[in-house]
C-alpha atoms as a PDB file:
ATOM      1  CA  MET A   1      86.298  97.560  70.977  1.00  0.00           C
ATOM      2  CA  SER A   2      88.350 100.623  69.971  1.00  0.00           C
ATOM      3  CA  LYS A   3      91.308 101.767  72.032  1.00  0.00           C
ATOM      4  CA  LYS A   4      90.090 102.727  75.566  1.00  0.00           C
ATOM      5  CA  ARG A   5      91.565 103.809  78.897  1.00  0.00           C
ATOM      6  CA  ILE A   6      91.116 101.073  81.482  1.00  0.00           C
ATOM      7  CA  LEU A   7      91.833 101.516  85.193  1.00  0.00           C
ATOM      8  CA  VAL A   8      92.363  98.501  87.440  1.00  0.00           C
ATOM      9  CA  THR A   9      92.237  99.104  91.227  1.00  0.00           C
ATOM     10  CA  GLY A  10      94.285  96.576  93.064  1.00  0.00           C
ATOM     11  CA  GLY A  11      96.179  95.893  89.812  1.00  0.00           C
ATOM     12  CA  CYS A  12      99.333  94.604  91.464  1.00  0.00           C
ATOM     13  CA  GLY A  13      97.481  91.986  93.469  1.00  0.00           C
ATOM     14  CA  PHE A  14      96.726  88.320  92.944  1.00  0.00           C
ATOM     15  CA  ILE A  15      93.844  88.733  90.533  1.00  0.00           C
ATOM     16  CA  GLY A  16      94.606  92.239  89.405  1.00  0.00           C
ATOM     17  CA  ALA A  17      98.054  91.417  87.998  1.00  0.00           C
ATOM     18  CA  ARG A  18      96.512  88.689  85.841  1.00  0.00           C
ATOM     19  CA  VAL A  19      93.900  91.120  84.604  1.00  0.00           C
ATOM     20  CA  VAL A  20      96.580  93.704  83.712  1.00  0.00           C
ATOM     21  CA  GLN A  21      98.559  91.049  81.795  1.00  0.00           C
ATOM     22  CA  ASN A  22      95.449  90.184  79.767  1.00  0.00           C
ATOM     23  CA  LEU A  23      94.736  93.810  79.102  1.00  0.00           C
ATOM     24  CA  LEU A  24      98.266  94.506  77.873  1.00  0.00           C
ATOM     25  CA  ALA A  25      97.627  92.034  75.043  1.00  0.00           C
ATOM     26  CA  THR A  26      94.937  94.465  73.785  1.00  0.00           C
ATOM     27  CA  PRO A  27      95.275  97.925  72.239  1.00  0.00           C
ATOM     28  CA  HIS A  28      93.908  99.574  75.446  1.00  0.00           C
ATOM     29  CA  GLU A  29      95.823 101.969  77.719  1.00  0.00           C
ATOM     30  CA  VAL A  30      96.160 100.411  81.230  1.00  0.00           C
ATOM     31  CA  PHE A  31      96.243 102.304  84.487  1.00  0.00           C
ATOM     32  CA  VAL A  32      96.635 100.867  87.951  1.00  0.00           C
ATOM     33  CA  ILE A  33      95.886 102.025  91.510  1.00  0.00           C
ATOM     34  CA  ASP A  34      97.370  99.905  94.311  1.00  0.00           C
ATOM     35  CA  ASP A  35      98.329 100.741  97.912  1.00  0.00           C
ATOM     36  CA  MET A  36     100.867  97.834  97.908  1.00  0.00           C
ATOM     37  CA  SER A  37      99.398  96.427 101.175  1.00  0.00           C
ATOM     38  CA  SER A  38      99.422  92.991  99.520  1.00  0.00           C
ATOM     39  CA  GLY A  39     100.336  93.711  95.933  1.00  0.00           C
ATOM     40  CA  GLU A  40     103.827  93.625  94.416  1.00  0.00           C
ATOM     41  CA  ARG A  41     105.383  96.064  91.926  1.00  0.00           C
ATOM     42  CA  SER A  42     107.115  93.236  90.210  1.00  0.00           C
ATOM     43  CA  ALA A  43     103.729  91.646  89.410  1.00  0.00           C
ATOM     44  CA  ILE A  44     103.186  94.120  86.532  1.00  0.00           C
ATOM     45  CA  PRO A  45     105.541  95.680  83.899  1.00  0.00           C
ATOM     46  CA  GLU A  46     105.656  99.329  85.013  1.00  0.00           C
ATOM     47  CA  MET A  47     107.164 100.426  81.704  1.00  0.00           C
ATOM     48  CA  LEU A  48     103.843  99.462  80.060  1.00  0.00           C
ATOM     49  CA  VAL A  49     101.424 100.511  82.841  1.00  0.00           C
ATOM     50  CA  ASP A  50     100.782 103.836  84.588  1.00  0.00           C
ATOM     51  CA  LEU A  51     100.901 102.975  88.311  1.00  0.00           C
ATOM     52  CA  LYS A  52      99.599 105.264  91.059  1.00  0.00           C
ATOM     53  CA  VAL A  53     100.442 104.032  94.634  1.00  0.00           C
ATOM     54  CA  CYS A  54      97.627 105.212  96.893  1.00  0.00           C
ATOM     55  CA  ASP A  55      94.721 104.078  99.005  1.00  0.00           C
ATOM     56  CA  ILE A  56      91.345 103.902  97.251  1.00  0.00           C
ATOM     57  CA  ARG A  57      89.854 105.801 100.123  1.00  0.00           C
ATOM     58  CA  SER A  58      92.098 108.780  99.558  1.00  0.00           C
ATOM     59  CA  GLU A  59      91.620 112.086  97.801  1.00  0.00           C
ATOM     60  CA  ALA A  60      94.763 111.145  95.797  1.00  0.00           C
ATOM     61  CA  ALA A  61      92.922 108.220  94.300  1.00  0.00           C
ATOM     62  CA  ARG A  62      89.949 110.380  93.417  1.00  0.00           C
ATOM     63  CA  LYS A  63      92.052 112.995  91.752  1.00  0.00           C
ATOM     64  CA  TYR A  64      94.125 110.364  89.823  1.00  0.00           C
ATOM     65  CA  ILE A  65      90.861 108.749  88.481  1.00  0.00           C
ATOM     66  CA  LYS A  66      89.517 112.125  87.341  1.00  0.00           C
ATOM     67  CA  GLY A  67      92.852 112.884  85.709  1.00  0.00           C
ATOM     68  CA  VAL A  68      93.059 109.569  83.899  1.00  0.00           C
ATOM     69  CA  ALA A  69      89.347 109.845  82.929  1.00  0.00           C
ATOM     70  CA  PRO A  70      89.022 106.051  82.262  1.00  0.00           C
ATOM     71  CA  HIS A  71      86.358 104.628  80.035  1.00  0.00           C
ATOM     72  CA  PHE A  72      86.286 101.537  82.276  1.00  0.00           C
ATOM     73  CA  VAL A  73      87.206 100.675  85.783  1.00  0.00           C
ATOM     74  CA  ILE A  74      87.800  97.106  87.084  1.00  0.00           C
ATOM     75  CA  HIS A  75      87.509  97.514  90.807  1.00  0.00           C
ATOM     76  CA  LEU A  76      89.464  94.772  92.646  1.00  0.00           C
ATOM     77  CA  ALA A  77      91.045  96.685  95.546  1.00  0.00           C
ATOM     78  CA  ALA A  78      89.480  95.384  98.731  1.00  0.00           C
ATOM     79  CA  GLN A  79      89.901  93.862 102.165  1.00  0.00           C
ATOM     80  CA  ILE A  80      89.249  90.214 101.248  1.00  0.00           C
ATOM     81  CA  ASP A  81      89.892  88.237 104.472  1.00  0.00           C
ATOM     82  CA  VAL A  82      86.734  86.912 106.243  1.00  0.00           C
ATOM     83  CA  GLN A  83      88.546  86.532 109.528  1.00  0.00           C
ATOM     84  CA  VAL A  84      89.994  90.026 109.403  1.00  0.00           C
ATOM     85  CA  SER A  85      86.504  91.343 108.691  1.00  0.00           C
ATOM     86  CA  LEU A  86      85.246  89.644 111.871  1.00  0.00           C
ATOM     87  CA  ALA A  87      88.054  91.078 114.018  1.00  0.00           C
ATOM     88  CA  LYS A  88      88.096  94.554 112.382  1.00  0.00           C
ATOM     89  CA  GLN A  89      84.614  95.249 111.144  1.00  0.00           C
ATOM     90  CA  GLN A  90      85.123  99.006 110.830  1.00  0.00           C
ATOM     91  CA  LEU A  91      88.304  98.570 108.798  1.00  0.00           C
ATOM     92  CA  ASP A  92      86.492  96.111 106.446  1.00  0.00           C
ATOM     93  CA  ALA A  93      83.613  98.566 105.981  1.00  0.00           C
ATOM     94  CA  ASP A  94      85.933 101.519 105.535  1.00  0.00           C
ATOM     95  CA  ILE A  95      87.861  99.850 102.712  1.00  0.00           C
ATOM     96  CA  ASN A  96      85.105  97.831 100.956  1.00  0.00           C
ATOM     97  CA  ILE A  97      82.256 100.305 101.335  1.00  0.00           C
ATOM     98  CA  MET A  98      83.785 103.770 101.660  1.00  0.00           C
ATOM     99  CA  GLY A  99      86.697 102.979  99.389  1.00  0.00           C
ATOM    100  CA  THR A 100      84.350 101.657  96.709  1.00  0.00           C
ATOM    101  CA  LEU A 101      82.121 104.742  97.023  1.00  0.00           C
ATOM    102  CA  ASN A 102      85.207 106.946  96.582  1.00  0.00           C
ATOM    103  CA  VAL A 103      86.018 105.225  93.319  1.00  0.00           C
ATOM    104  CA  ILE A 104      82.345 105.301  92.136  1.00  0.00           C
ATOM    105  CA  GLU A 105      82.069 109.027  92.931  1.00  0.00           C
ATOM    106  CA  ALA A 106      85.207 109.803  90.956  1.00  0.00           C
ATOM    107  CA  CYS A 107      83.932 107.740  87.961  1.00  0.00           C
ATOM    108  CA  LYS A 108      80.648 109.719  87.968  1.00  0.00           C
ATOM    109  CA  GLU A 109      82.667 112.860  87.200  1.00  0.00           C
ATOM    110  CA  VAL A 110      84.221 111.299  84.033  1.00  0.00           C
ATOM    111  CA  ALA A 111      82.221 112.405  80.965  1.00  0.00           C
ATOM    112  CA  GLU A 112      83.049 109.460  78.782  1.00  0.00           C
ATOM    113  CA  PHE A 113      82.795 106.757  81.443  1.00  0.00           C
ATOM    114  CA  GLU A 114      81.306 103.479  80.059  1.00  0.00           C
ATOM    115  CA  ARG A 115      81.283 100.765  82.751  1.00  0.00           C
ATOM    116  CA  PHE A 116      82.280  99.903  86.320  1.00  0.00           C
ATOM    117  CA  VAL A 117      83.234  96.241  86.839  1.00  0.00           C
ATOM    118  CA  PHE A 118      82.985  95.333  90.462  1.00  0.00           C
ATOM    119  CA  ALA A 119      84.575  92.300  92.055  1.00  0.00           C
ATOM    120  CA  SER A 120      82.058  90.946  94.487  1.00  0.00           C
ATOM    121  CA  SER A 121      81.905  87.534  96.219  1.00  0.00           C
ATOM    122  CA  ALA A 122      79.935  84.425  96.893  1.00  0.00           C
ATOM    123  CA  ALA A 123      80.173  85.479 100.524  1.00  0.00           C
ATOM    124  CA  VAL A 124      77.096  87.658  99.950  1.00  0.00           C
ATOM    125  CA  TYR A 125      74.910  84.549  99.828  1.00  0.00           C
ATOM    126  CA  GLY A 126      75.855  83.115 103.212  1.00  0.00           C
ATOM    127  CA  ASN A 127      74.614  79.550 103.962  1.00  0.00           C
ATOM    128  CA  SER A 128      72.041  78.043 101.692  1.00  0.00           C
ATOM    129  CA  VAL A 129      70.639  74.559 101.314  1.00  0.00           C
ATOM    130  CA  GLU A 130      69.549  75.190  97.715  1.00  0.00           C
ATOM    131  CA  LEU A 131      72.509  74.692  95.425  1.00  0.00           C
ATOM    132  CA  PRO A 132      73.643  75.737  92.907  1.00  0.00           C
ATOM    133  CA  LEU A 133      73.083  79.358  93.917  1.00  0.00           C
ATOM    134  CA  MET A 134      71.521  81.615  91.312  1.00  0.00           C
ATOM    135  CA  GLU A 135      71.959  85.400  91.183  1.00  0.00           C
ATOM    136  CA  ASP A 136      68.381  86.021  92.310  1.00  0.00           C
ATOM    137  CA  ALA A 137      68.892  84.111  95.594  1.00  0.00           C
ATOM    138  CA  LEU A 138      68.319  86.230  98.654  1.00  0.00           C
ATOM    139  CA  PRO A 139      71.654  87.504 100.015  1.00  0.00           C
ATOM    140  CA  MET A 140      72.136  86.457 103.626  1.00  0.00           C
ATOM    141  CA  PRO A 141      75.882  87.189 104.439  1.00  0.00           C
ATOM    142  CA  ILE A 142      77.208  85.640 107.606  1.00  0.00           C
ATOM    143  CA  SER A 143      80.380  87.718 107.792  1.00  0.00           C
ATOM    144  CA  PRO A 144      81.125  91.503 107.705  1.00  0.00           C
ATOM    145  CA  TYR A 145      83.163  90.792 104.514  1.00  0.00           C
ATOM    146  CA  GLY A 146      80.084  89.359 102.793  1.00  0.00           C
ATOM    147  CA  MET A 147      78.001  92.243 104.061  1.00  0.00           C
ATOM    148  CA  SER A 148      80.389  94.860 102.798  1.00  0.00           C
ATOM    149  CA  LYS A 149      80.514  93.288  99.358  1.00  0.00           C
ATOM    150  CA  TRP A 150      76.727  93.178  99.192  1.00  0.00           C
ATOM    151  CA  ILE A 151      76.454  96.801 100.215  1.00  0.00           C
ATOM    152  CA  GLY A 152      78.893  97.670  97.384  1.00  0.00           C
ATOM    153  CA  GLU A 153      76.575  96.008  94.914  1.00  0.00           C
ATOM    154  CA  GLN A 154      73.576  97.890  96.363  1.00  0.00           C
ATOM    155  CA  TYR A 155      75.322 101.233  95.916  1.00  0.00           C
ATOM    156  CA  LEU A 156      76.072 100.356  92.213  1.00  0.00           C
ATOM    157  CA  GLU A 157      72.431  99.355  91.651  1.00  0.00           C
ATOM    158  CA  LEU A 158      71.199 102.535  93.426  1.00  0.00           C
ATOM    159  CA  ASN A 159      73.492 104.790  91.329  1.00  0.00           C
ATOM    160  CA  ASN A 160      72.346 103.022  88.175  1.00  0.00           C
ATOM    161  CA  GLU A 161      68.741 103.633  89.086  1.00  0.00           C
ATOM    162  CA  MET A 162      69.314 107.267  90.108  1.00  0.00           C
ATOM    163  CA  ALA A 163      71.777 108.367  87.436  1.00  0.00           C
ATOM    164  CA  GLY A 164      72.138 105.594  84.894  1.00  0.00           C
ATOM    165  CA  PHE A 165      75.605 104.644  86.226  1.00  0.00           C
ATOM    166  CA  PRO A 166      76.702 101.594  84.157  1.00  0.00           C
ATOM    167  CA  TYR A 167      77.979  98.595  86.166  1.00  0.00           C
ATOM    168  CA  CYS A 168      78.576  94.928  86.209  1.00  0.00           C
ATOM    169  CA  ALA A 169      79.121  93.047  89.528  1.00  0.00           C
ATOM    170  CA  LEU A 170      80.833  89.689  89.386  1.00  0.00           C
ATOM    171  CA  ARG A 171      80.357  87.372  92.396  1.00  0.00           C
ATOM    172  CA  PHE A 172      83.459  85.214  92.503  1.00  0.00           C
ATOM    173  CA  ALA A 173      83.437  81.661  93.899  1.00  0.00           C
ATOM    174  CA  ASN A 174      86.607  80.584  95.741  1.00  0.00           C
ATOM    175  CA  VAL A 175      89.514  81.897  93.769  1.00  0.00           C
ATOM    176  CA  TYR A 176      92.884  79.963  93.729  1.00  0.00           C
ATOM    177  CA  GLY A 177      95.990  79.981  91.662  1.00  0.00           C
ATOM    178  CA  GLU A 178      99.777  80.394  91.501  1.00  0.00           C
ATOM    179  CA  LYS A 179     101.964  83.218  92.638  1.00  0.00           C
ATOM    180  CA  ARG A 180      99.823  84.223  95.584  1.00  0.00           C
ATOM    181  CA  THR A 181     102.081  85.500  98.366  1.00  0.00           C
ATOM    182  CA  GLY A 182     100.704  85.837 101.910  1.00  0.00           C
ATOM    183  CA  ALA A 183      97.389  84.452 100.889  1.00  0.00           C
ATOM    184  CA  LYS A 184      94.819  83.223 103.432  1.00  0.00           C
ATOM    185  CA  ASP A 185      92.774  80.970 101.234  1.00  0.00           C
ATOM    186  CA  VAL A 186      92.602  77.307 102.021  1.00  0.00           C
ATOM    187  CA  ILE A 187      94.506  76.071  98.935  1.00  0.00           C
ATOM    188  CA  SER A 188      97.431  78.512  99.362  1.00  0.00           C
ATOM    189  CA  GLU A 189      97.658  77.638 103.093  1.00  0.00           C
ATOM    190  CA  PHE A 190      97.629  73.905 102.286  1.00  0.00           C
ATOM    191  CA  TRP A 191     100.554  74.392  99.830  1.00  0.00           C
ATOM    192  CA  ASP A 192     102.666  76.352 102.263  1.00  0.00           C
ATOM    193  CA  LYS A 193     102.224  73.758 104.958  1.00  0.00           C
ATOM    194  CA  MET A 194     102.468  70.618 102.880  1.00  0.00           C
ATOM    195  CA  ARG A 195     105.638  71.721 100.895  1.00  0.00           C
ATOM    196  CA  ASN A 196     107.298  71.896 104.352  1.00  0.00           C
ATOM    197  CA  GLY A 197     106.024  68.533 105.394  1.00  0.00           C
ATOM    198  CA  GLU A 198     103.588  70.072 107.885  1.00  0.00           C
ATOM    199  CA  SER A 199     100.016  69.125 108.511  1.00  0.00           C
ATOM    200  CA  PRO A 200      97.510  71.606 106.948  1.00  0.00           C
ATOM    201  CA  ILE A 201      94.762  72.905 109.202  1.00  0.00           C
ATOM    202  CA  ILE A 202      91.143  71.966 108.438  1.00  0.00           C
ATOM    203  CA  HIS A 203      88.387  73.702 110.378  1.00  0.00           C
ATOM    204  CA  GLY A 204      85.626  71.241 110.937  1.00  0.00           C
ATOM    205  CA  ASP A 205      85.332  67.727 109.488  1.00  0.00           C
ATOM    206  CA  GLY A 206      86.598  68.730 105.999  1.00  0.00           C
ATOM    207  CA  GLU A 207      83.373  67.603 104.297  1.00  0.00           C
ATOM    208  CA  GLN A 208      82.321  71.247 103.782  1.00  0.00           C
ATOM    209  CA  THR A 209      82.344  72.090 100.071  1.00  0.00           C
ATOM    210  CA  ARG A 210      83.530  74.977  97.929  1.00  0.00           C
ATOM    211  CA  ASP A 211      83.306  75.979  94.285  1.00  0.00           C
ATOM    212  CA  PHE A 212      86.970  76.556  93.365  1.00  0.00           C
ATOM    213  CA  VAL A 213      87.654  78.690  90.328  1.00  0.00           C
ATOM    214  CA  TYR A 214      91.133  79.256  88.859  1.00  0.00           C
ATOM    215  CA  VAL A 215      92.585  82.831  88.817  1.00  0.00           C
ATOM    216  CA  GLY A 216      93.216  82.752  85.057  1.00  0.00           C
ATOM    217  CA  ASP A 217      89.535  82.021  84.391  1.00  0.00           C
ATOM    218  CA  ILE A 218      88.561  84.883  86.745  1.00  0.00           C
ATOM    219  CA  ALA A 219      90.887  87.297  84.930  1.00  0.00           C
ATOM    220  CA  GLU A 220      89.358  86.318  81.609  1.00  0.00           C
ATOM    221  CA  ALA A 221      85.852  86.889  82.973  1.00  0.00           C
ATOM    222  CA  LEU A 222      86.736  90.380  84.226  1.00  0.00           C
ATOM    223  CA  VAL A 223      87.995  91.456  80.824  1.00  0.00           C
ATOM    224  CA  LEU A 224      84.939  89.962  79.115  1.00  0.00           C
ATOM    225  CA  ALA A 225      82.745  91.859  81.542  1.00  0.00           C
ATOM    226  CA  LEU A 226      83.854  95.145  79.964  1.00  0.00           C
ATOM    227  CA  ASP A 227      81.649  94.236  76.956  1.00  0.00           C
ATOM    228  CA  VAL A 228      78.639  92.818  78.793  1.00  0.00           C
ATOM    229  CA  PRO A 229      75.694  94.869  77.476  1.00  0.00           C
ATOM    230  CA  LYS A 230      73.440  94.583  80.551  1.00  0.00           C
ATOM    231  CA  ASN A 231      73.855  96.082  84.041  1.00  0.00           C
ATOM    232  CA  GLY A 232      73.590  93.454  86.800  1.00  0.00           C
ATOM    233  CA  ILE A 233      75.081  90.762  88.866  1.00  0.00           C
ATOM    234  CA  TYR A 234      76.779  87.648  87.530  1.00  0.00           C
ATOM    235  CA  ASN A 235      78.300  84.551  89.253  1.00  0.00           C
ATOM    236  CA  ILE A 236      81.752  83.498  88.171  1.00  0.00           C
ATOM    237  CA  SER A 237      82.292  79.918  89.070  1.00  0.00           C
ATOM    238  CA  THR A 238      82.813  76.353  87.914  1.00  0.00           C
ATOM    239  CA  ASN A 239      79.433  75.194  89.047  1.00  0.00           C
ATOM    240  CA  GLU A 240      81.234  72.288  90.770  1.00  0.00           C
ATOM    241  CA  GLN A 241      81.345  71.314  94.428  1.00  0.00           C
ATOM    242  CA  THR A 242      84.569  69.923  96.028  1.00  0.00           C
ATOM    243  CA  SER A 243      85.093  69.047  99.695  1.00  0.00           C
ATOM    244  CA  ILE A 244      88.132  70.322 101.564  1.00  0.00           C
ATOM    245  CA  ASN A 245      89.115  66.647 102.125  1.00  0.00           C
ATOM    246  CA  ASP A 246      89.070  66.081  98.386  1.00  0.00           C
ATOM    247  CA  VAL A 247      91.369  69.080  97.860  1.00  0.00           C
ATOM    248  CA  LEU A 248      93.777  67.552 100.350  1.00  0.00           C
ATOM    249  CA  ARG A 249      93.697  64.175  98.536  1.00  0.00           C
ATOM    250  CA  VAL A 250      94.512  65.765  95.195  1.00  0.00           C
ATOM    251  CA  MET A 251      97.392  67.818  96.709  1.00  0.00           C
ATOM    252  CA  ASN A 252      98.759  64.747  98.445  1.00  0.00           C
ATOM    253  CA  GLY A 253      98.737  63.052  95.008  1.00  0.00           C
ATOM    254  CA  LEU A 254     100.595  65.874  93.355  1.00  0.00           C
ATOM    255  CA  LEU A 255     103.216  66.136  96.053  1.00  0.00           C
ATOM    256  CA  GLN A 256     103.471  62.332  96.369  1.00  0.00           C
ATOM    257  CA  THR A 257     102.865  62.630 100.144  1.00  0.00           C
ATOM    258  CA  ASP A 258     100.397  61.134 102.599  1.00  0.00           C
ATOM    259  CA  ILE A 259     100.079  64.075 105.004  1.00  0.00           C
ATOM    260  CA  VAL A 260      97.281  63.923 107.572  1.00  0.00           C
ATOM    261  CA  PRO A 261      95.507  67.177 108.423  1.00  0.00           C
ATOM    262  CA  GLU A 262      95.132  68.823 111.815  1.00  0.00           C
ATOM    263  CA  HIS A 263      91.447  69.345 112.588  1.00  0.00           C
ATOM    264  CA  ARG A 264      90.271  72.404 114.504  1.00  0.00           C
ATOM    265  CA  MET A 265      86.876  73.861 115.437  1.00  0.00           C
ATOM    266  CA  ASN A 266      84.677  75.442 112.822  1.00  0.00           C
ATOM    267  CA  ARG A 267      85.146  79.113 112.397  1.00  0.00           C
ATOM    268  CA  ILE A 268      82.492  81.831 112.583  1.00  0.00           C
ATOM    269  CA  GLY A 269      81.915  83.377 109.159  1.00  0.00           C
ATOM    270  CA  ASP A 270      82.731  80.229 107.147  1.00  0.00           C
ATOM    271  CA  VAL A 271      79.857  78.850 105.130  1.00  0.00           C
ATOM    272  CA  ARG A 272      79.168  75.120 105.101  1.00  0.00           C
ATOM    273  CA  ASP A 273      78.670  74.447 101.364  1.00  0.00           C
ATOM    274  CA  SER A 274      78.961  76.586  98.255  1.00  0.00           C
ATOM    275  CA  ARG A 275      78.260  76.027  94.570  1.00  0.00           C
ATOM    276  CA  LEU A 276      77.329  78.816  92.153  1.00  0.00           C
ATOM    277  CA  SER A 277      75.535  78.550  88.875  1.00  0.00           C
ATOM    278  CA  ASN A 278      77.535  80.290  86.083  1.00  0.00           C
ATOM    279  CA  GLN A 279      74.882  79.944  83.416  1.00  0.00           C
ATOM    280  CA  LYS A 280      73.846  83.668  83.350  1.00  0.00           C
ATOM    281  CA  PHE A 281      77.359  84.956  82.660  1.00  0.00           C
ATOM    282  CA  GLN A 282      78.088  82.171  80.191  1.00  0.00           C
ATOM    283  CA  ALA A 283      74.943  83.042  78.176  1.00  0.00           C
ATOM    284  CA  ILE A 284      75.709  86.778  77.940  1.00  0.00           C
ATOM    285  CA  SER A 285      79.509  86.606  77.394  1.00  0.00           C
ATOM    286  CA  GLY A 286      80.398  83.111  76.101  1.00  0.00           C
ATOM    287  CA  TRP A 287      82.801  82.729  78.986  1.00  0.00           C
ATOM    288  CA  GLN A 288      83.377  79.321  80.543  1.00  0.00           C
ATOM    289  CA  PRO A 289      86.033  78.100  82.992  1.00  0.00           C
ATOM    290  CA  LEU A 290      88.876  76.256  81.211  1.00  0.00           C
ATOM    291  CA  HIS A 291      90.558  74.786  84.339  1.00  0.00           C
ATOM    292  CA  THR A 292      89.231  71.887  86.384  1.00  0.00           C
ATOM    293  CA  LEU A 293      90.444  71.826  89.959  1.00  0.00           C
ATOM    294  CA  SER A 294      92.953  69.086  89.153  1.00  0.00           C
ATOM    295  CA  LYS A 295      94.318  71.084  86.225  1.00  0.00           C
ATOM    296  CA  GLY A 296      94.588  74.288  88.207  1.00  0.00           C
ATOM    297  CA  LEU A 297      96.292  72.570  91.152  1.00  0.00           C
ATOM    298  CA  GLU A 298      98.751  71.039  88.706  1.00  0.00           C
ATOM    299  CA  GLN A 299      99.556  74.459  87.313  1.00  0.00           C
ATOM    300  CA  MET A 300     100.084  75.724  90.900  1.00  0.00           C
ATOM    301  CA  TYR A 301     102.354  72.757  91.565  1.00  0.00           C
ATOM    302  CA  LEU A 302     104.485  73.442  88.490  1.00  0.00           C
ATOM    303  CA  ASP A 303     104.749  77.119  89.266  1.00  0.00           C
ATOM    304  CA  ARG A 304     105.803  76.537  92.893  1.00  0.00           C
ATOM    305  CA  LYS A 305     108.328  73.945  91.687  1.00  0.00           C
ATOM    306  CA  ASN A 306     109.806  76.444  89.151  1.00  0.00           C
ATOM    307  CA  GLN A 307     110.028  79.118  91.895  1.00  0.00           C
ATOM    308  CA  GLU A 308     112.021  76.673  94.068  1.00  0.00           C
ATOM    309  CA  LEU A 309     114.421  75.949  91.216  1.00  0.00           C
ATOM    310  CA  VAL A 310     115.060  79.622  90.720  1.00  0.00           C
ATOM    311  CA  LEU A 311     115.748  80.070  94.402  1.00  0.00           C
ATOM    312  CA  VAL A 312     118.259  77.176  94.355  1.00  0.00           C
ATOM    313  CA  LYS A 313     120.106  78.795  91.427  1.00  0.00           C
END
C-alpha cells in the first residue's frame, strides 16, 4: 500500500495506542482523535502523530476529519463498559451510535476515502448454545452495549448499500493485555486485586467461559483490515474457550499465590459462554492470533513487574 492518511479514533486508548504504534512502523501518516476520558497522551508519541483532543460526537471532530481527509479510519472510540451501558443507556447510545454516525458522515464527505474499519464486539451475539459463533449467527444482544455496537454495524451496512460506503466491522472477543489503566475487564480487575493480596470477585460460579484475545493480536488485525478487499463483518478471536476459574488458576501460578475468589451473584448483561470462530478473517487476511492465554498473561505479568520496578526507582 502506498503512503496514506490514516485516522484512529480513540488512538490514545488501550487498543488504539497499540494500533498507532503499529502504524508508525509503516510509511503512512497517522492522525488521532481522543477525548482523553480513558486514554493517555503518554501512550502515543505526539511528535510523530497529529492529535486532536475532542469528542467524536462534536462538530470539532467532524471538521477535523474533513480537514485531514483520511483515506482510512479505524474507529475505536466508544463507551465499552457493559455495566455502564445498563446504568446509562442514553449515554451508551449517544456515544456508540450517534458518535459513530458523526464519524461516518464526515468520512462520506472525503473524496478519496477508501475504508472505515469499525471496532465491534462479541456482545452483539448475546447468549448462544451453538459455539463457536459464526458471523452469520443471528445477533441477540443482552446489553445496551451489545445493541449499540450492532446498530453501528447496521448503519455501516446500510450506507454501503445506499452509497457504496466501504467498511469492515471486526467483532472482538474479550480483549486483554498490559498497560490498561482503569480497566473494567475481568483479567485487569483480577491483576489489580491479586497483586495487593486481595480476593478477586467472580460473578457466578466461575465456570462461565470467554474467548480471550491478546491486545497485540487485535492491533495487528485492525491494521490488516485496512487491506481486506470485501466489505463485511469478521470475528477476531482465538477460537478457544477458557473458564474464569481457569484464568484465576493461571494467574495464581504466575504470581505464586493461592488466592481464593469472592463469589457474587451473576450480573445482568453478562453472557454465559463465548467462543468465536476466526476462520473467515484468517482466510481473507492471513491473520492468526500469536498469543495463547498463558503467553499473554505472562506478558502482562512481566509488564506489571517492570512498572513496579520503575516506581521503586
